[in-house]
Amino acid sequence: MKKKVLIIEDNDDIRENVVEILQLADYEVTAANNGKTGVELAQQHLPDVILCDIMMPELDGYGVLYMLNKSAETAAIPFIFLTAKAEKVDLRKGMEKGADDYLTKPFDDMDLLNAIEMRLKKKAFQKEFYSNSLDRLNTLIGRNEGLTELKKIIQERKSRQFKKNQVIYYDGDHGTGIYLVISGKVKTIRLAEDGRELMTGIFGSDEYLGVNALLSNEPYSDTATALEDSVVCLIPKDQLERLLFRYPDVAREFIKLLANNIRVKEEQLIQLAYHSVRKRMAEAMLRLLKQPTLVNESFKITREDLAAMAGMATETVSRTLSDFKEEGLIDKKGSTITILDANRLAKMKN
């Protein structure tokens, strides 16, 4: 079957040119000359990709994206902004709201076709990735009905790619749901009164962010940032609450996640209060390992992030790492740290 593309563009020449190019490339194309009509056509035809101008009458591109993200049927459709160079500075707003890509006018035929093809390939890859990732959720939820519903919710949502150091949500934002990390790593941080960062958690594949805020119905209490290039899926609050209410087994498992988060934070507070600099550094590095018993495993992390994890100054991090290297506990090249003796790190005296 032909792939369906919706183009929302108020400039007649640009819109007609894009339609012609895509029809020649064997796409089924629907066109709208304003944002309001574009939303209606998207809900009616459910295209595979949406191309949308930013500045338009009646409803601009940001409004179109907002309206489409409110519906489960249209939220997962890849969304590409068409923007003039003068509007490029405003793109961060659109990307943070969930846009997948953008094309800067004027663009040539190949730029247009490559952007659409790349989005379609990524969507197909994400479906396959979800299938593999969701299979691992069998260990999370015991009831098949709840698992099936959770899978359905996640598969209907659109995953977002976050570049390293890109913020996913800010401390104080009102939670719209919880985030499932599909790939990569995400850190959560809080700012101390003196301005220093304290890392409150690191989350990898198949782990959830924002559970505390969802279950307590409060704003996020920390800021989530991609520690490396990551793919994350937002599970909407209203859908998840219905799932938790309907399936008690699912609710119990999320309560366990919350309890585990609280336990980890309690342990972190004890470490900050009573453990020495050397012991805190050893514990921080062991938390970064996939398995604490592994030897010669490497990971990349900045001095600043290590300082935030261990609750110390960056200068102290540098001195402690140098000591560990001299003692044969680790090797360090740039931001890459290799654990040489995980056992001695785990038994570090306080």
C-alpha atoms as a PDB file:
ATOM      1  CA  MET A   1       0.000   0.000   0.000  1.00  0.00           C
ATOM      2  CA  LYS A   2       1.075   3.551  -0.700  1.00  0.00           C
ATOM      3  CA  LYS A   3       2.337   5.539   2.275  1.00  0.00           C
ATOM      4  CA  LYS A   4       0.152   8.530   3.123  1.00  0.00           C
ATOM      5  CA  VAL A   5       1.584  12.025   3.614  1.00  0.00           C
ATOM      6  CA  LEU A   6      -0.299  15.112   4.837  1.00  0.00           C
ATOM      7  CA  ILE A   7       1.130  18.533   3.907  1.00  0.00           C
ATOM      8  CA  ILE A   8      -0.152  21.542   5.882  1.00  0.00           C
ATOM      9  CA  GLU A   9       1.113  24.755   4.245  1.00  0.00           C
ATOM     10  CA  ASP A  10      -0.597  28.105   3.586  1.00  0.00           C
ATOM     11  CA  ASN A  11       1.750  29.092   0.726  1.00  0.00           C
ATOM     12  CA  ASP A  12       0.070  27.830  -2.431  1.00  0.00           C
ATOM     13  CA  ASP A  13       3.261  27.510  -4.493  1.00  0.00           C
ATOM     14  CA  ILE A  14       5.144  25.533  -1.829  1.00  0.00           C
ATOM     15  CA  ARG A  15       2.159  23.309  -1.054  1.00  0.00           C
ATOM     16  CA  GLU A  16       1.446  22.482  -4.708  1.00  0.00           C
ATOM     17  CA  ASN A  17       5.141  21.832  -5.401  1.00  0.00           C
ATOM     18  CA  VAL A  18       5.425  19.422  -2.454  1.00  0.00           C
ATOM     19  CA  VAL A  19       2.261  17.602  -3.509  1.00  0.00           C
ATOM     20  CA  GLU A  20       3.621  17.161  -7.038  1.00  0.00           C
ATOM     21  CA  ILE A  21       6.993  15.848  -5.839  1.00  0.00           C
ATOM     22  CA  LEU A  22       5.439  13.350  -3.430  1.00  0.00           C
ATOM     23  CA  GLN A  23       2.904  12.084  -5.943  1.00  0.00           C
ATOM     24  CA  LEU A  24       5.728  11.459  -8.421  1.00  0.00           C
ATOM     25  CA  ALA A  25       7.492   9.499  -5.646  1.00  0.00           C
ATOM     26  CA  ASP A  26       4.357   7.299  -5.348  1.00  0.00           C
ATOM     27  CA  TYR A  27       3.022   8.706  -2.072  1.00  0.00           C
ATOM     28  CA  GLU A  28      -0.672   9.240  -1.423  1.00  0.00           C
ATOM     29  CA  VAL A  29      -0.863  12.954  -0.596  1.00  0.00           C
ATOM     30  CA  THR A  30      -3.455  15.043   1.224  1.00  0.00           C
ATOM     31  CA  ALA A  31      -3.052  18.840   1.483  1.00  0.00           C
ATOM     32  CA  ALA A  32      -4.405  21.573   3.763  1.00  0.00           C
ATOM     33  CA  ASN A  33      -3.937  25.346   3.460  1.00  0.00           C
ATOM     34  CA  ASN A  34      -4.299  26.108   7.187  1.00  0.00           C
ATOM     35  CA  GLY A  35      -3.709  24.456  10.546  1.00  0.00           C
ATOM     36  CA  LYS A  36      -7.348  23.914  11.493  1.00  0.00           C
ATOM     37  CA  THR A  37      -8.102  22.023   8.277  1.00  0.00           C
ATOM     38  CA  GLY A  38      -4.820  20.137   8.692  1.00  0.00           C
ATOM     39  CA  VAL A  39      -5.849  18.786  12.109  1.00  0.00           C
ATOM     40  CA  GLU A  40      -9.215  17.673  10.723  1.00  0.00           C
ATOM     41  CA  LEU A  41      -7.567  15.886   7.767  1.00  0.00           C
ATOM     42  CA  ALA A  42      -5.010  14.223  10.057  1.00  0.00           C
ATOM     43  CA  GLN A  43      -7.775  12.835  12.274  1.00  0.00           C
ATOM     44  CA  GLN A  44      -9.766  11.713   9.231  1.00  0.00           C
ATOM     45  CA  HIS A  45      -6.995  10.095   7.133  1.00  0.00           C
ATOM     46  CA  LEU A  46      -4.383   9.123   9.772  1.00  0.00           C
ATOM     47  CA  PRO A  47      -1.369   9.712   7.490  1.00  0.00           C
ATOM     48  CA  ASP A  48       1.985   7.986   7.916  1.00  0.00           C
ATOM     49  CA  VAL A  49       3.875  11.327   7.977  1.00  0.00           C
ATOM     50  CA  ILE A  50       2.811  14.952   8.483  1.00  0.00           C
ATOM     51  CA  LEU A  51       4.629  17.973   6.996  1.00  0.00           C
ATOM     52  CA  CYS A  52       3.565  21.240   8.628  1.00  0.00           C
ATOM     53  CA  ASP A  53       4.470  24.906   8.246  1.00  0.00           C
ATOM     54  CA  ILE A  54       4.976  26.890  11.457  1.00  0.00           C
ATOM     55  CA  MET A  55       3.456  30.289  10.650  1.00  0.00           C
ATOM     56  CA  MET A  56      -0.101  29.822   9.358  1.00  0.00           C
ATOM     57  CA  PRO A  57      -3.529  31.441   9.743  1.00  0.00           C
ATOM     58  CA  GLU A  58      -6.229  30.153  12.123  1.00  0.00           C
ATOM     59  CA  LEU A  59      -3.885  27.650  13.834  1.00  0.00           C
ATOM     60  CA  ASP A  60      -0.086  27.744  13.643  1.00  0.00           C
ATOM     61  CA  GLY A  61       2.224  24.725  13.502  1.00  0.00           C
ATOM     62  CA  TYR A  62       2.707  24.612  17.270  1.00  0.00           C
ATOM     63  CA  GLY A  63      -1.060  24.515  17.735  1.00  0.00           C
ATOM     64  CA  VAL A  64      -1.390  21.734  15.170  1.00  0.00           C
ATOM     65  CA  LEU A  65       1.251  19.667  16.981  1.00  0.00           C
ATOM     66  CA  TYR A  66      -0.446  20.288  20.331  1.00  0.00           C
ATOM     67  CA  MET A  67      -3.851  19.200  19.028  1.00  0.00           C
ATOM     68  CA  LEU A  68      -2.461  16.051  17.393  1.00  0.00           C
ATOM     69  CA  ASN A  69      -0.542  15.049  20.527  1.00  0.00           C
ATOM     70  CA  LYS A  70      -3.772  15.131  22.541  1.00  0.00           C
ATOM     71  CA  SER A  71      -5.185  12.206  20.557  1.00  0.00           C
ATOM     72  CA  ALA A  72      -3.758   8.691  20.885  1.00  0.00           C
ATOM     73  CA  GLU A  73      -4.605   8.043  17.217  1.00  0.00           C
ATOM     74  CA  THR A  74      -2.498  10.940  15.885  1.00  0.00           C
ATOM     75  CA  ALA A  75       0.166  11.376  18.594  1.00  0.00           C
ATOM     76  CA  ALA A  76       2.429   8.683  17.131  1.00  0.00           C
ATOM     77  CA  ILE A  77       2.447  10.064  13.571  1.00  0.00           C
ATOM     78  CA  PRO A  78       5.934  11.372  12.603  1.00  0.00           C
ATOM     79  CA  PHE A  79       5.759  15.177  12.434  1.00  0.00           C
ATOM     80  CA  ILE A  80       8.124  17.328  10.352  1.00  0.00           C
ATOM     81  CA  PHE A  81       8.127  21.134  10.576  1.00  0.00           C
ATOM     82  CA  LEU A  82       8.620  23.265   7.472  1.00  0.00           C
ATOM     83  CA  THR A  83      10.298  26.471   8.574  1.00  0.00           C
ATOM     84  CA  ALA A  84      11.811  29.611   7.093  1.00  0.00           C
ATOM     85  CA  LYS A  85      15.357  30.491   8.137  1.00  0.00           C
ATOM     86  CA  ALA A  86      14.066  33.426  10.193  1.00  0.00           C
ATOM     87  CA  GLU A  87      11.976  31.010  12.285  1.00  0.00           C
ATOM     88  CA  LYS A  88      14.793  28.534  12.887  1.00  0.00           C
ATOM     89  CA  VAL A  89      15.564  29.995  16.319  1.00  0.00           C
ATOM     90  CA  ASP A  90      12.043  29.012  17.418  1.00  0.00           C
ATOM     91  CA  LEU A  91      12.494  25.379  16.450  1.00  0.00           C
ATOM     92  CA  ARG A  92      13.594  24.350  19.934  1.00  0.00           C
ATOM     93  CA  LYS A  93      10.059  25.096  21.095  1.00  0.00           C
ATOM     94  CA  GLY A  94       8.635  22.780  18.448  1.00  0.00           C
ATOM     95  CA  MET A  95      11.131  19.980  19.031  1.00  0.00           C
ATOM     96  CA  GLU A  96      10.479  20.081  22.777  1.00  0.00           C
ATOM     97  CA  LYS A  97       6.749  19.781  22.078  1.00  0.00           C
ATOM     98  CA  GLY A  98       7.319  16.552  20.169  1.00  0.00           C
ATOM     99  CA  ALA A  99       8.234  17.367  16.548  1.00  0.00           C
ATOM    100  CA  ASP A 100      10.485  14.736  14.978  1.00  0.00           C
ATOM    101  CA  ASP A 101      12.389  16.777  12.405  1.00  0.00           C
ATOM    102  CA  TYR A 102      12.371  19.989  10.395  1.00  0.00           C
ATOM    103  CA  LEU A 103      13.142  21.200   6.874  1.00  0.00           C
ATOM    104  CA  THR A 104      14.364  24.737   6.300  1.00  0.00           C
ATOM    105  CA  LYS A 105      12.877  26.533   3.297  1.00  0.00           C
ATOM    106  CA  PRO A 106      13.846  26.500   0.532  1.00  0.00           C
ATOM    107  CA  PHE A 107      14.555  22.765   0.419  1.00  0.00           C
ATOM    108  CA  ASP A 108      15.221  20.628  -2.657  1.00  0.00           C
ATOM    109  CA  ASP A 109      13.422  17.465  -3.761  1.00  0.00           C
ATOM    110  CA  MET A 110      15.959  15.059  -2.257  1.00  0.00           C
ATOM    111  CA  ASP A 111      15.951  16.821   1.141  1.00  0.00           C
ATOM    112  CA  LEU A 112      12.180  16.389   1.255  1.00  0.00           C
ATOM    113  CA  LEU A 113      12.157  12.750   0.164  1.00  0.00           C
ATOM    114  CA  ASN A 114      15.081  11.785   2.418  1.00  0.00           C
ATOM    115  CA  ALA A 115      13.428  13.376   5.464  1.00  0.00           C
ATOM    116  CA  ILE A 116      10.194  11.456   4.877  1.00  0.00           C
ATOM    117  CA  GLU A 117      11.952   8.166   4.155  1.00  0.00           C
ATOM    118  CA  MET A 118      14.094   8.502   7.288  1.00  0.00           C
ATOM    119  CA  ARG A 119      11.015   9.111   9.450  1.00  0.00           C
ATOM    120  CA  LEU A 120       9.246   6.080   8.006  1.00  0.00           C
ATOM    121  CA  LYS A 121      12.298   3.874   8.590  1.00  0.00           C
ATOM    122  CA  LYS A 122      12.653   5.081  12.183  1.00  0.00           C
ATOM    123  CA  LYS A 123       8.992   4.430  12.844  1.00  0.00           C
ATOM    124  CA  ALA A 124       9.337   0.864  11.532  1.00  0.00           C
ATOM    125  CA  PHE A 125      12.481   0.361  13.616  1.00  0.00           C
ATOM    126  CA  GLN A 126      10.776   1.670  16.735  1.00  0.00           C
ATOM    127  CA  LYS A 127       7.902  -0.795  16.288  1.00  0.00           C
ATOM    128  CA  GLU A 128      10.396  -3.660  16.156  1.00  0.00           C
ATOM    129  CA  PHE A 129      12.376  -2.228  19.081  1.00  0.00           C
ATOM    130  CA  TYR A 130       9.190  -1.840  21.112  1.00  0.00           C
ATOM    131  CA  SER A 131       8.270  -5.443  20.402  1.00  0.00           C
ATOM    132  CA  ASN A 132      11.609  -6.693  21.777  1.00  0.00           C
ATOM    133  CA  SER A 133      11.575  -4.269  24.707  1.00  0.00           C
ATOM    134  CA  LEU A 134       7.988  -4.973  25.648  1.00  0.00           C
ATOM    135  CA  ASP A 135       8.644  -8.702  25.769  1.00  0.00           C
ATOM    136  CA  ARG A 136      10.890  -7.972  28.744  1.00  0.00           C
ATOM    137  CA  LEU A 137       7.945  -6.374  30.542  1.00  0.00           C
ATOM    138  CA  ASN A 138       6.602  -9.877  31.202  1.00  0.00           C
ATOM    139  CA  THR A 139       8.817  -9.873  34.283  1.00  0.00           C
ATOM    140  CA  LEU A 140       7.174  -6.641  35.448  1.00  0.00           C
ATOM    141  CA  ILE A 141       3.513  -7.546  35.177  1.00  0.00           C
ATOM    142  CA  GLY A 142       2.017 -10.890  36.020  1.00  0.00           C
ATOM    143  CA  ARG A 143      -1.449 -10.543  34.508  1.00  0.00           C
ATOM    144  CA  ASN A 144      -1.643 -10.975  30.773  1.00  0.00           C
ATOM    145  CA  GLU A 145      -4.549  -8.532  30.454  1.00  0.00           C
ATOM    146  CA  GLY A 146      -2.636  -5.720  32.125  1.00  0.00           C
ATOM    147  CA  LEU A 147       0.498  -6.454  30.124  1.00  0.00           C
ATOM    148  CA  THR A 148      -1.466  -6.417  26.883  1.00  0.00           C
ATOM    149  CA  GLU A 149      -3.042  -3.073  27.739  1.00  0.00           C
ATOM    150  CA  LEU A 150       0.302  -1.550  28.753  1.00  0.00           C
ATOM    151  CA  LYS A 151       1.885  -2.772  25.523  1.00  0.00           C
ATOM    152  CA  LYS A 152      -0.961  -1.241  23.547  1.00  0.00           C
ATOM    153  CA  ILE A 153      -0.565   2.130  25.267  1.00  0.00           C
ATOM    154  CA  ILE A 154       3.194   2.206  24.660  1.00  0.00           C
ATOM    155  CA  GLN A 155       2.944   1.057  21.041  1.00  0.00           C
ATOM    156  CA  GLU A 156       0.386   3.771  20.285  1.00  0.00           C
ATOM    157  CA  ARG A 157       2.663   6.493  21.592  1.00  0.00           C
ATOM    158  CA  LYS A 158       5.441   8.167  19.652  1.00  0.00           C
ATOM    159  CA  SER A 159       8.943   7.814  21.024  1.00  0.00           C
ATOM    160  CA  ARG A 160      11.199  10.850  21.035  1.00  0.00           C
ATOM    161  CA  GLN A 161      14.912  11.071  20.489  1.00  0.00           C
ATOM    162  CA  PHE A 162      16.879  13.227  22.908  1.00  0.00           C
ATOM    163  CA  LYS A 163      20.428  14.306  22.206  1.00  0.00           C
ATOM    164  CA  LYS A 164      23.039  14.163  24.959  1.00  0.00           C
ATOM    165  CA  ASN A 165      22.406  16.917  27.547  1.00  0.00           C
ATOM    166  CA  GLN A 166      18.914  17.674  26.167  1.00  0.00           C
ATOM    167  CA  VAL A 167      16.324  18.267  28.898  1.00  0.00           C
ATOM    168  CA  ILE A 168      13.325  15.920  28.971  1.00  0.00           C
ATOM    169  CA  TYR A 169      11.458  17.740  31.742  1.00  0.00           C
ATOM    170  CA  TYR A 170      12.261  20.385  34.363  1.00  0.00           C
ATOM    171  CA  ASP A 171      11.929  20.448  38.130  1.00  0.00           C
ATOM    172  CA  GLY A 172       8.521  21.971  38.893  1.00  0.00           C
ATOM    173  CA  ASP A 173       6.868  20.983  35.604  1.00  0.00           C
ATOM    174  CA  HIS A 174       3.441  19.446  36.028  1.00  0.00           C
ATOM    175  CA  GLY A 175       3.689  15.815  35.002  1.00  0.00           C
ATOM    176  CA  THR A 176       1.721  14.732  31.961  1.00  0.00           C
ATOM    177  CA  GLY A 177       2.663  11.080  32.453  1.00  0.00           C
ATOM    178  CA  ILE A 178       5.657   8.839  33.024  1.00  0.00           C
ATOM    179  CA  TYR A 179       8.563   8.237  30.680  1.00  0.00           C
ATOM    180  CA  LEU A 180       9.840   4.839  29.586  1.00  0.00           C
ATOM    181  CA  VAL A 181      13.486   4.792  28.495  1.00  0.00           C
ATOM    182  CA  ILE A 182      13.686   2.761  25.288  1.00  0.00           C
ATOM    183  CA  SER A 183      17.441   3.157  24.762  1.00  0.00           C
ATOM    184  CA  GLY A 184      20.285   5.245  26.153  1.00  0.00           C
ATOM    185  CA  LYS A 185      20.603   6.694  29.654  1.00  0.00           C
ATOM    186  CA  VAL A 186      18.834   9.533  31.440  1.00  0.00           C
ATOM    187  CA  LYS A 187      19.904  11.317  34.612  1.00  0.00           C
ATOM    188  CA  THR A 188      17.763  13.204  37.120  1.00  0.00           C
ATOM    189  CA  ILE A 189      19.252  16.096  39.088  1.00  0.00           C
ATOM    190  CA  ARG A 190      18.279  18.569  41.777  1.00  0.00           C
ATOM    191  CA  LEU A 191      19.908  21.895  42.532  1.00  0.00           C
ATOM    192  CA  ALA A 192      21.189  22.565  46.037  1.00  0.00           C
ATOM    193  CA  GLU A 193      20.790  26.003  47.600  1.00  0.00           C
ATOM    194  CA  ASP A 194      24.418  26.813  46.762  1.00  0.00           C
ATOM    195  CA  GLY A 195      23.774  26.038  43.083  1.00  0.00           C
ATOM    196  CA  ARG A 196      25.514  22.650  42.997  1.00  0.00           C
ATOM    197  CA  GLU A 197      23.868  19.766  41.167  1.00  0.00           C
ATOM    198  CA  LEU A 198      22.979  16.540  42.969  1.00  0.00           C
ATOM    199  CA  MET A 199      22.246  13.566  40.719  1.00  0.00           C
ATOM    200  CA  THR A 200      19.237  11.730  42.129  1.00  0.00           C
ATOM    201  CA  GLY A 201      19.162   8.852  39.650  1.00  0.00           C
ATOM    202  CA  ILE A 202      20.362   7.238  36.429  1.00  0.00           C
ATOM    203  CA  PHE A 203      17.827   5.376  34.289  1.00  0.00           C
ATOM    204  CA  GLY A 204      18.554   2.952  31.449  1.00  0.00           C
ATOM    205  CA  SER A 205      16.550   0.825  29.020  1.00  0.00           C
ATOM    206  CA  ASP A 206      13.152  -0.403  30.276  1.00  0.00           C
ATOM    207  CA  GLU A 207      13.220   1.897  33.309  1.00  0.00           C
ATOM    208  CA  TYR A 208      10.601   4.513  34.161  1.00  0.00           C
ATOM    209  CA  LEU A 209      10.943   8.223  34.981  1.00  0.00           C
ATOM    210  CA  GLY A 210       8.443  10.339  36.878  1.00  0.00           C
ATOM    211  CA  VAL A 211       6.671   7.538  38.762  1.00  0.00           C
ATOM    212  CA  ASN A 212       6.861   9.500  42.025  1.00  0.00           C
ATOM    213  CA  ALA A 213       5.231  12.587  40.520  1.00  0.00           C
ATOM    214  CA  LEU A 214       2.474  10.531  38.897  1.00  0.00           C
ATOM    215  CA  LEU A 215       1.491   8.535  41.987  1.00  0.00           C
ATOM    216  CA  SER A 216       1.701  11.547  44.331  1.00  0.00           C
ATOM    217  CA  ASN A 217      -0.064  13.843  41.808  1.00  0.00           C
ATOM    218  CA  GLU A 218       2.624  16.493  42.290  1.00  0.00           C
ATOM    219  CA  PRO A 219       5.001  18.340  39.923  1.00  0.00           C
ATOM    220  CA  TYR A 220       8.315  16.724  39.019  1.00  0.00           C
ATOM    221  CA  SER A 221      10.778  17.186  41.876  1.00  0.00           C
ATOM    222  CA  ASP A 222      13.896  17.019  39.717  1.00  0.00           C
ATOM    223  CA  THR A 223      15.123  17.739  36.187  1.00  0.00           C
ATOM    224  CA  ALA A 224      15.579  14.854  33.729  1.00  0.00           C
ATOM    225  CA  THR A 225      18.339  15.167  31.128  1.00  0.00           C
ATOM    226  CA  ALA A 226      19.719  12.732  28.553  1.00  0.00           C
ATOM    227  CA  LEU A 227      23.070  11.458  29.802  1.00  0.00           C
ATOM    228  CA  GLU A 228      23.722  10.185  26.267  1.00  0.00           C
ATOM    229  CA  ASP A 229      21.719  10.061  23.037  1.00  0.00           C
ATOM    230  CA  SER A 230      18.478   8.391  24.137  1.00  0.00           C
ATOM    231  CA  VAL A 231      15.035   7.319  22.941  1.00  0.00           C
ATOM    232  CA  VAL A 232      12.177   7.894  25.388  1.00  0.00           C
ATOM    233  CA  CYS A 233       8.422   7.231  25.247  1.00  0.00           C
ATOM    234  CA  LEU A 234       5.847   9.259  27.211  1.00  0.00           C
ATOM    235  CA  ILE A 235       2.936   7.238  28.613  1.00  0.00           C
ATOM    236  CA  PRO A 236       0.076   9.729  29.207  1.00  0.00           C
ATOM    237  CA  LYS A 237      -1.157  10.182  32.748  1.00  0.00           C
ATOM    238  CA  ASP A 238      -4.853   9.650  31.996  1.00  0.00           C
ATOM    239  CA  GLN A 239      -4.253   6.391  30.120  1.00  0.00           C
ATOM    240  CA  LEU A 240      -1.934   5.028  32.798  1.00  0.00           C
ATOM    241  CA  GLU A 241      -4.297   5.967  35.632  1.00  0.00           C
ATOM    242  CA  ARG A 242      -7.110   4.039  33.930  1.00  0.00           C
ATOM    243  CA  LEU A 243      -4.774   1.065  33.568  1.00  0.00           C
ATOM    244  CA  LEU A 244      -3.705   1.205  37.231  1.00  0.00           C
ATOM    245  CA  PHE A 245      -7.330   1.445  38.374  1.00  0.00           C
ATOM    246  CA  ARG A 246      -8.445  -1.466  36.204  1.00  0.00           C
ATOM    247  CA  TYR A 247      -5.557  -3.862  36.885  1.00  0.00           C
ATOM    248  CA  PRO A 248      -4.448  -4.011  40.561  1.00  0.00           C
ATOM    249  CA  ASP A 249      -1.423  -6.182  39.678  1.00  0.00           C
ATOM    250  CA  VAL A 250      -0.088  -3.409  37.450  1.00  0.00           C
ATOM    251  CA  ALA A 251      -0.701  -0.853  40.195  1.00  0.00           C
ATOM    252  CA  ARG A 252       1.202  -2.971  42.723  1.00  0.00           C
ATOM    253  CA  GLU A 253       4.217  -3.199  40.425  1.00  0.00           C
ATOM    254  CA  PHE A 254       4.348   0.562  39.961  1.00  0.00           C
ATOM    255  CA  ILE A 255       4.065   0.996  43.725  1.00  0.00           C
ATOM    256  CA  LYS A 256       7.075  -1.327  44.008  1.00  0.00           C
ATOM    257  CA  LEU A 257       8.934   0.927  41.579  1.00  0.00           C
ATOM    258  CA  LEU A 258       8.078   3.925  43.738  1.00  0.00           C
ATOM    259  CA  ALA A 259       9.197   2.118  46.898  1.00  0.00           C
ATOM    260  CA  ASN A 260      12.460   1.140  45.228  1.00  0.00           C
ATOM    261  CA  ASN A 261      13.070   4.762  44.168  1.00  0.00           C
ATOM    262  CA  ILE A 262      12.535   5.890  47.756  1.00  0.00           C
ATOM    263  CA  ARG A 263      14.903   3.182  49.058  1.00  0.00           C
ATOM    264  CA  VAL A 264      17.629   4.223  46.603  1.00  0.00           C
ATOM    265  CA  LYS A 265      17.287   7.880  47.614  1.00  0.00           C
ATOM    266  CA  GLU A 266      17.446   6.948  51.300  1.00  0.00           C
ATOM    267  CA  GLU A 267      20.658   5.021  50.668  1.00  0.00           C
ATOM    268  CA  GLN A 268      22.031   7.983  48.746  1.00  0.00           C
ATOM    269  CA  LEU A 269      21.289  10.324  51.672  1.00  0.00           C
ATOM    270  CA  ILE A 270      23.082   7.972  54.079  1.00  0.00           C
ATOM    271  CA  GLN A 271      26.089   7.828  51.758  1.00  0.00           C
ATOM    272  CA  LEU A 272      26.244  11.617  51.488  1.00  0.00           C
ATOM    273  CA  ALA A 273      25.941  12.029  55.245  1.00  0.00           C
ATOM    274  CA  TYR A 274      28.272   9.318  56.517  1.00  0.00           C
ATOM    275  CA  HIS A 275      30.535   7.951  53.794  1.00  0.00           C
ATOM    276  CA  SER A 276      33.985   9.246  52.998  1.00  0.00           C
ATOM    277  CA  VAL A 277      34.879  10.893  49.691  1.00  0.00           C
ATOM    278  CA  ARG A 278      36.682   7.747  48.500  1.00  0.00           C
ATOM    279  CA  LYS A 279      33.790   5.444  49.409  1.00  0.00           C
ATOM    280  CA  ARG A 280      31.218   7.747  47.768  1.00  0.00           C
ATOM    281  CA  MET A 281      33.280   7.845  44.582  1.00  0.00           C
ATOM    282  CA  ALA A 282      33.636   4.051  44.539  1.00  0.00           C
ATOM    283  CA  GLU A 283      29.883   3.587  45.037  1.00  0.00           C
ATOM    284  CA  ALA A 284      29.077   6.108  42.307  1.00  0.00           C
ATOM    285  CA  MET A 285      31.242   4.301  39.764  1.00  0.00           C
ATOM    286  CA  LEU A 286      29.824   0.898  40.691  1.00  0.00           C
ATOM    287  CA  ARG A 287      26.299   2.249  40.074  1.00  0.00           C
ATOM    288  CA  LEU A 288      27.377   3.038  36.521  1.00  0.00           C
ATOM    289  CA  LEU A 289      28.309  -0.578  35.815  1.00  0.00           C
ATOM    290  CA  LYS A 290      25.786  -2.889  34.179  1.00  0.00           C
ATOM    291  CA  GLN A 291      26.833  -5.533  36.692  1.00  0.00           C
ATOM    292  CA  PRO A 292      28.796  -4.486  39.807  1.00  0.00           C
ATOM    293  CA  THR A 293      30.999  -7.594  39.576  1.00  0.00           C
ATOM    294  CA  LEU A 294      32.296  -6.909  36.077  1.00  0.00           C
ATOM    295  CA  VAL A 295      35.979  -6.099  35.562  1.00  0.00           C
ATOM    296  CA  ASN A 296      37.466  -4.143  32.654  1.00  0.00           C
ATOM    297  CA  GLU A 297      34.089  -2.605  31.830  1.00  0.00           C
ATOM    298  CA  SER A 298      34.284   0.967  30.582  1.00  0.00           C
ATOM    299  CA  PHE A 299      31.837   3.831  30.674  1.00  0.00           C
ATOM    300  CA  LYS A 300      31.936   7.510  29.752  1.00  0.00           C
ATOM    301  CA  ILE A 301      31.012  10.223  32.215  1.00  0.00           C
ATOM    302  CA  THR A 302      32.080  13.824  32.778  1.00  0.00           C
ATOM    303  CA  ARG A 303      33.729  15.073  35.970  1.00  0.00           C
ATOM    304  CA  GLU A 304      30.674  17.262  36.535  1.00  0.00           C
ATOM    305  CA  ASP A 305      28.271  14.321  36.382  1.00  0.00           C
ATOM    306  CA  LEU A 306      30.455  12.229  38.680  1.00  0.00           C
ATOM    307  CA  ALA A 307      30.582  15.144  41.108  1.00  0.00           C
ATOM    308  CA  ALA A 308      26.782  15.396  41.014  1.00  0.00           C
ATOM    309  CA  MET A 309      26.449  11.646  41.644  1.00  0.00           C
ATOM    310  CA  ALA A 310      28.865  11.545  44.551  1.00  0.00           C
ATOM    311  CA  GLY A 311      27.967  14.934  46.028  1.00  0.00           C
ATOM    312  CA  MET A 312      31.424  16.498  45.860  1.00  0.00           C
ATOM    313  CA  ALA A 313      33.348  19.230  44.065  1.00  0.00           C
ATOM    314  CA  THR A 314      34.802  18.558  40.608  1.00  0.00           C
ATOM    315  CA  GLU A 315      38.322  19.213  41.957  1.00  0.00           C
ATOM    316  CA  THR A 316      37.773  16.474  44.541  1.00  0.00           C
ATOM    317  CA  VAL A 317      36.608  14.135  41.771  1.00  0.00           C
ATOM    318  CA  SER A 318      39.827  14.732  39.829  1.00  0.00           C
ATOM    319  CA  ARG A 319      42.041  14.062  42.854  1.00  0.00           C
ATOM    320  CA  THR A 320      40.135  10.922  43.858  1.00  0.00           C
ATOM    321  CA  LEU A 321      40.197   9.491  40.331  1.00  0.00           C
ATOM    322  CA  SER A 322      43.935  10.112  40.139  1.00  0.00           C
ATOM    323  CA  ASP A 323      44.393   8.260  43.440  1.00  0.00           C
ATOM    324  CA  PHE A 324      42.264   5.337  42.213  1.00  0.00           C
ATOM    325  CA  LYS A 325      44.290   5.141  39.016  1.00  0.00           C
ATOM    326  CA  GLU A 326      47.592   5.089  40.907  1.00  0.00           C
ATOM    327  CA  GLU A 327      46.218   2.322  43.148  1.00  0.00           C
ATOM    328  CA  GLY A 328      45.268   0.182  40.118  1.00  0.00           C
ATOM    329  CA  LEU A 329      41.534   0.361  40.786  1.00  0.00           C
ATOM    330  CA  ILE A 330      40.657   2.086  37.521  1.00  0.00           C
ATOM    331  CA  ASP A 331      42.115   3.302  34.265  1.00  0.00           C
ATOM    332  CA  LYS A 332      41.112   6.666  32.844  1.00  0.00           C
ATOM    333  CA  LYS A 333      41.479   8.178  29.382  1.00  0.00           C
ATOM    334  CA  GLY A 334      39.646  11.438  28.891  1.00  0.00           C
ATOM    335  CA  SER A 335      36.054  10.920  30.036  1.00  0.00           C
ATOM    336  CA  THR A 336      36.302   7.114  29.705  1.00  0.00           C
ATOM    337  CA  ILE A 337      36.786   5.181  32.938  1.00  0.00           C
ATOM    338  CA  THR A 338      37.623   1.465  32.985  1.00  0.00           C
ATOM    339  CA  ILE A 339      37.069  -0.505  36.183  1.00  0.00           C
ATOM    340  CA  LEU A 340      40.090  -2.707  36.876  1.00  0.00           C
ATOM    341  CA  ASP A 341      39.160  -4.010  40.336  1.00  0.00           C
ATOM    342  CA  ALA A 342      35.419  -3.878  41.076  1.00  0.00           C
ATOM    343  CA  ASN A 343      35.849  -6.080  44.145  1.00  0.00           C
ATOM    344  CA  ARG A 344      38.218  -3.654  45.884  1.00  0.00           C
ATOM    345  CA  LEU A 345      35.952  -0.735  44.978  1.00  0.00           C
ATOM    346  CA  ALA A 346      32.962  -2.532  46.510  1.00  0.00           C
ATOM    347  CA  LYS A 347      34.942  -3.201  49.710  1.00  0.00           C
ATOM    348  CA  MET A 348      36.282   0.368  49.969  1.00  0.00           C
ATOM    349  CA  LYS A 349      36.623   1.276  53.626  1.00  0.00           C
ATOM    350  CA  ASN A 350      34.768   4.271  54.928  1.00  0.00           C
END
